[in-house]
Protein backbone atom coordinates (compact mmCIF):
# COMPACT_ATOMS: atom_id res chain seq x y z
CA MET A 1 130.50 115.27 114.24
CA LYS A 2 129.53 117.29 111.22
CA ARG A 3 125.94 118.58 111.21
CA GLU A 4 125.03 116.35 107.90
CA GLU A 5 126.26 113.23 109.97
CA LEU A 6 123.23 113.82 112.43
CA HIS A 7 120.82 113.42 109.67
CA ARG A 8 122.48 110.30 108.29
CA ASN A 9 122.69 108.57 111.67
CA VAL A 10 119.22 108.72 111.77
CA ARG A 11 117.20 105.34 111.94
CA GLU A 12 114.57 105.11 109.26
CA LYS A 13 111.56 103.06 110.04
CA PHE A 14 108.93 103.27 107.26
CA LEU A 15 105.98 101.29 106.35
CA PHE A 16 104.32 101.74 103.09
CA GLU A 17 100.70 100.58 102.51
CA GLY A 18 98.95 100.21 99.24
CA LEU A 19 96.71 97.82 96.94
CA THR A 20 98.50 95.84 94.39
CA SER A 21 100.23 98.20 91.62
CA THR A 22 100.47 101.25 93.89
CA GLY A 23 104.02 101.15 93.57
CA LYS A 24 105.14 99.67 96.93
CA SER A 25 107.98 97.42 95.64
CA TRP A 26 108.90 100.01 92.98
CA LEU A 27 109.59 102.61 95.81
CA SER A 28 111.16 100.42 98.21
CA LEU A 29 113.65 99.30 95.21
CA ASN A 30 114.57 103.04 94.32
CA ILE A 31 115.16 103.71 97.90
CA SER A 32 117.17 100.50 97.95
CA LYS A 33 119.14 102.12 94.98
CA ILE A 34 120.17 105.19 96.96
CA TYR A 35 121.60 103.20 99.63
CA LEU A 36 123.54 100.69 97.05
CA MET A 37 124.89 104.03 95.40
CA ASN A 38 126.05 104.92 98.87
CA ASP A 39 127.98 101.70 99.40
CA LYS A 40 125.50 100.62 101.91
CA LYS A 41 124.35 96.80 102.02
CA VAL A 42 120.59 96.02 101.42
CA LEU A 43 118.83 92.94 102.36
CA PHE A 44 115.51 92.68 100.41
CA ILE A 45 113.01 90.28 101.27
CA ASP A 46 110.79 89.13 98.67
CA PRO A 47 107.48 87.09 99.11
CA GLU A 48 105.74 86.97 95.95
CA ASP A 49 108.65 87.68 93.17
CA GLY A 50 107.45 91.34 92.93
CA VAL A 51 111.31 92.04 92.89
CA GLN A 52 112.16 89.97 89.73
CA ARG A 53 109.21 91.88 87.78
CA GLU A 54 111.03 95.01 88.37
CA LEU A 55 114.26 93.63 87.71
CA ASP A 56 113.00 92.32 84.36
CA ARG A 57 111.80 95.73 83.75
CA GLY A 58 115.56 97.02 84.30
CA ILE A 59 115.19 98.83 87.53
CA PHE A 60 118.83 97.93 88.56
CA ASP A 61 120.33 98.18 84.93
CA ASP A 62 121.83 101.57 85.85
CA LEU A 63 123.84 100.49 88.98
CA THR A 64 127.54 99.39 88.80
CA ASP A 65 128.67 95.65 89.44
CA LYS A 66 130.22 96.85 92.48
CA GLU A 67 126.95 98.49 93.48
CA LEU A 68 124.88 95.14 92.94
CA GLU A 69 127.12 93.34 95.03
CA ASN A 70 125.91 94.80 98.03
CA ILE A 71 122.08 93.49 97.78
CA GLU A 72 120.81 90.32 98.88
CA ILE A 73 117.47 89.42 97.54
CA ILE A 74 115.75 86.54 99.55
CA HIS A 75 112.96 84.67 97.86
CA ALA A 76 110.76 83.80 101.02
CA ASN A 77 108.27 81.26 99.57
CA ASN A 78 106.64 80.25 102.67
CA ILE A 79 105.92 81.87 105.85
CA GLU A 80 108.63 80.33 108.09
CA THR A 81 111.22 81.40 105.78
CA TYR A 82 109.71 84.90 105.50
CA LEU A 83 109.54 85.01 109.50
CA LYS A 84 113.05 83.78 109.85
CA TRP A 85 114.59 86.22 107.89
CA VAL A 86 112.69 89.06 109.60
CA ASN A 87 114.05 88.03 112.56
CA GLY A 88 117.50 87.44 111.32
CA TRP A 89 119.86 84.83 113.21
CA THR A 90 123.29 84.03 114.49
CA GLU A 91 124.85 80.36 113.90
CA ASP A 92 128.03 78.72 114.64
CA LYS A 93 130.05 77.89 111.82
CA SER A 94 133.23 75.76 112.01
CA ILE A 95 136.20 76.99 109.99
CA GLY A 96 138.86 74.50 110.92
CA PRO A 97 139.49 74.37 114.77
CA GLN A 98 137.76 77.59 115.22
CA ILE A 99 134.12 78.29 115.74
CA ASN A 100 132.78 81.61 114.17
CA LYS A 101 129.66 83.38 114.70
CA VAL A 102 127.64 83.85 111.13
CA GLN A 103 125.05 86.23 110.92
CA HIS A 104 121.91 85.96 108.79
CA GLY A 105 119.65 88.83 107.77
CA LEU A 106 121.65 90.92 110.26
CA ASN A 107 124.55 92.39 108.56
CA CYS A 108 123.02 94.89 106.54
CA ASP A 109 122.28 98.79 106.58
CA LEU A 110 118.85 98.57 105.00
CA LYS A 111 116.45 95.86 105.36
CA VAL A 112 113.45 95.72 103.09
CA CYS A 113 110.49 93.52 103.95
CA ASP A 114 108.32 93.49 100.88
CA GLY A 115 104.73 92.41 101.64
CA ILE A 116 104.48 91.14 105.22
CA MET A 117 101.07 90.21 105.02
CA THR A 118 101.40 88.41 101.84
CA GLU A 119 102.60 85.07 103.50
CA ILE A 120 100.30 85.00 105.97
CA GLU A 121 97.25 85.52 103.58
CA GLN A 122 98.92 82.61 101.25
CA TYR A 123 99.20 80.45 104.26
CA LYS A 124 95.47 80.92 105.06
CA PHE A 125 94.41 80.15 101.46
CA ARG A 126 96.50 76.88 101.42
CA LEU A 127 95.13 75.88 104.75
CA THR A 128 91.66 76.83 103.45
CA GLN A 129 92.09 74.48 100.51
CA LYS A 130 93.31 71.60 102.49
CA PHE A 131 90.60 71.97 104.73
CA ILE A 132 87.76 71.86 102.09
CA LYS A 133 89.81 69.07 100.41
CA GLN A 134 89.65 66.88 103.45
CA GLY A 135 86.16 67.80 104.31
CA TYR A 136 86.83 69.02 107.98
CA TYR A 137 88.67 71.57 109.87
CA VAL A 138 90.90 70.87 113.07
CA ILE A 139 91.08 73.19 116.29
CA GLY A 140 93.36 71.79 118.71
CA GLU A 141 92.63 67.99 118.56
CA LYS A 142 88.94 68.39 117.54
CA GLN A 143 87.71 67.84 114.08
CA PHE A 144 84.71 69.77 112.62
CA PRO A 145 83.13 68.74 109.25
CA ILE A 146 82.57 71.21 106.68
CA SER A 147 78.91 71.02 105.30
CA ASN A 148 79.24 73.68 102.44
CA PRO A 149 82.62 74.22 101.24
CA ASP A 150 81.32 77.26 98.97
CA LEU A 151 80.58 79.12 102.40
CA PHE A 152 83.55 78.12 104.44
CA ASN A 153 85.40 80.54 106.22
CA LEU A 154 89.02 79.83 108.13
CA PRO A 155 88.36 80.04 111.78
CA TYR A 156 90.46 82.68 113.20
CA GLN A 157 91.87 79.89 115.88
CA THR A 158 93.56 78.19 113.01
CA TYR A 159 95.90 80.84 112.24
CA ASN A 160 95.77 83.59 114.93
CA LYS A 161 99.22 82.48 116.08
CA LEU A 162 100.62 83.67 112.81
CA TYR A 163 99.70 87.27 113.70
CA ASP A 164 101.69 86.89 116.99
CA GLN A 165 104.51 85.45 115.30
CA LEU A 166 104.47 88.54 112.89
CA ARG A 167 104.17 90.99 115.68
CA ASP A 168 107.34 89.26 117.60
CA ALA A 169 109.19 89.00 114.50
CA ILE A 170 108.58 93.05 113.62
CA THR A 171 109.32 93.97 117.34
CA ILE A 172 112.63 92.01 117.31
CA MET A 173 113.65 93.60 113.94
CA MET A 174 113.19 97.09 115.44
CA GLU A 175 115.89 96.19 118.23
CA HIS A 176 118.59 95.77 115.32
CA SER A 177 120.66 98.85 113.94
CA TYR A 178 119.85 98.95 110.48
CA ASP A 179 117.39 100.93 108.63
CA ILE A 180 113.83 99.40 108.01
CA ILE A 181 111.49 99.77 105.19
CA CYS A 182 108.07 97.11 105.12
CA THR A 183 105.29 96.93 102.73
CA THR A 184 101.87 95.70 103.04
CA HIS A 185 98.49 95.52 101.67
CA PRO A 186 95.81 97.57 103.38
CA PHE A 187 94.56 95.90 106.53
CA LYS A 188 91.28 94.49 106.50
CA SER A 189 88.26 95.77 108.71
CA THR A 190 87.65 92.73 110.79
CA ASP A 191 88.44 93.17 114.52
CA ALA A 192 91.73 90.81 114.38
CA HIS A 193 93.24 92.82 111.58
CA LYS A 194 92.36 96.31 113.12
CA ALA A 195 94.15 95.04 116.17
CA LEU A 196 97.19 93.98 114.18
CA GLU A 197 97.14 97.21 112.15
CA GLN A 198 97.45 99.10 115.41
CA SER A 199 100.18 97.01 116.93
CA ILE A 200 102.33 97.14 113.66
CA HIS A 201 101.78 100.92 112.96
CA GLY A 202 103.19 101.57 116.54
CA LYS A 203 106.42 100.16 115.57
CA PHE A 204 107.08 102.44 112.66
CA ASP A 205 108.11 105.99 112.62
CA SER A 206 106.21 106.67 109.32
CA VAL A 207 103.24 104.94 107.72
CA ILE A 208 102.57 105.99 104.26
CA ARG A 209 99.61 104.88 102.21
CA LEU A 210 100.44 104.82 98.33
CA ASN A 211 97.48 105.45 95.80
CA LYS A 212 97.37 104.75 92.23
CA LEU A 213 94.97 107.06 90.15
CA LEU A 214 94.19 107.41 86.28
CA LEU A 215 94.04 110.73 84.73
CA PRO A 216 91.59 111.92 82.22
CA SER A 217 94.30 111.09 79.57
CA GLY A 218 94.41 107.33 80.78
CA ASN A 219 97.93 107.82 82.36
CA PRO A 220 98.57 106.47 85.89
CA LYS A 221 99.60 109.09 88.60
CA TRP A 222 100.75 108.30 92.16
CA ASN A 223 100.30 110.00 95.48
CA ALA A 224 100.43 109.19 98.72
CA ILE A 225 98.63 109.84 102.37
CA ILE A 226 100.91 109.99 105.24
CA VAL A 227 99.08 108.09 108.10
CA LYS A 228 101.54 108.41 110.49
CA ASN A 229 104.69 110.52 110.77
CA ARG A 230 106.54 110.83 114.28
CA GLY A 231 110.11 112.24 112.97
CA LYS A 232 110.67 115.67 112.48
CA GLU A 233 112.81 114.96 109.40
CA SER A 234 109.86 113.46 107.47
CA PRO A 235 109.19 113.20 103.68
CA ASP A 236 106.44 116.09 103.82
CA LYS A 237 104.59 117.87 106.73
CA SER A 238 101.25 117.74 105.25
CA ASN A 239 98.79 114.67 105.45
CA ALA A 240 98.65 114.37 101.62
CA ILE A 241 101.46 114.64 98.98
CA ASP A 242 100.93 114.70 95.44
CA SER A 243 103.54 112.49 94.19
CA VAL A 244 106.12 109.83 95.83
CA ASN A 245 109.01 112.06 94.75
CA PRO A 246 109.29 113.95 98.17
CA ILE A 247 109.68 110.47 99.90
CA ILE A 248 112.73 109.77 97.29
CA LEU A 249 114.03 113.27 97.92
CA TYR A 250 114.17 112.49 101.80
CA PHE A 251 116.48 109.66 101.18
CA ILE A 252 118.78 111.46 98.83
CA LYS A 253 119.00 114.25 101.35
CA LYS A 254 120.13 111.72 103.84
CA PHE A 255 122.85 110.89 102.37
CA ASN A 256 123.81 114.61 101.32
CA MET A 257 123.72 113.36 97.78
CA ASP A 258 123.73 115.49 94.33
CA MET A 259 119.99 115.92 93.82
CA ASP A 260 120.20 116.28 89.75
CA ASP A 261 122.73 113.58 89.44
CA THR A 262 120.77 111.00 91.82
CA LEU A 263 117.28 111.54 90.01
CA GLU A 264 119.10 111.47 86.68
CA ARG A 265 120.41 107.58 87.66
CA LEU A 266 117.06 106.90 89.17
CA GLY A 267 115.38 107.81 85.78
CA MET A 268 113.11 110.15 87.42
CA LYS A 269 114.81 113.81 86.47
CA GLU A 270 112.23 115.51 84.62
CA LYS A 271 112.87 116.41 80.96
CA GLU A 272 113.73 120.23 80.51
């Protein structure tokens, strides 16, 4: 085995956290491009059509047709579909007299799960609206009236199983052989969210919180804080990094790519 192959064979397990418009999807898509440039297969699970917005802006325009053939984008419009693709599954498919095993969500080199909390929050919103409209909520087989819809908060017992399902899906995903990138909004300060945050953070090698700042000129600037970093080969050894570029550079080095050429294809090379 060559020395550079040791680095290539490291499994990546990254979690990017950040508020809306902090670059989580953009960063994940650019890392995906690096995999595609190396003839790797990418599965991108998108719960809120954030990918489409980036595609409309031309983020993949510089990829070749052959490179684009290696990415599959799943538009997961509900929590069941999202968790199903996070898990992956195998089904029997009849081809003539033969029955073949067909894998879904498993045969990739990189799986990106964008917005892992998004579908749960959307499910909670739809459930809240349903309960308010009918005038009562249900826990088990009991009904409880909603006296003031404006002050109604969805009881934890009505959606707590979704948190367990998300934990289980991520745990199963971690057992697979592909690299993993997940993104999420920051967890809330409730006890349930804090417990979920601790559990999910524990499954990733690197947890990076992305931030967006406005400079005095009014232009945006992105930086990041490394919340957790267990691996020796890290985007940066310090707690804070001044931009997201070191994260991109880490993946370029992973494949032993030419730095200048790759940055130019990604549209990230500084003009001289």
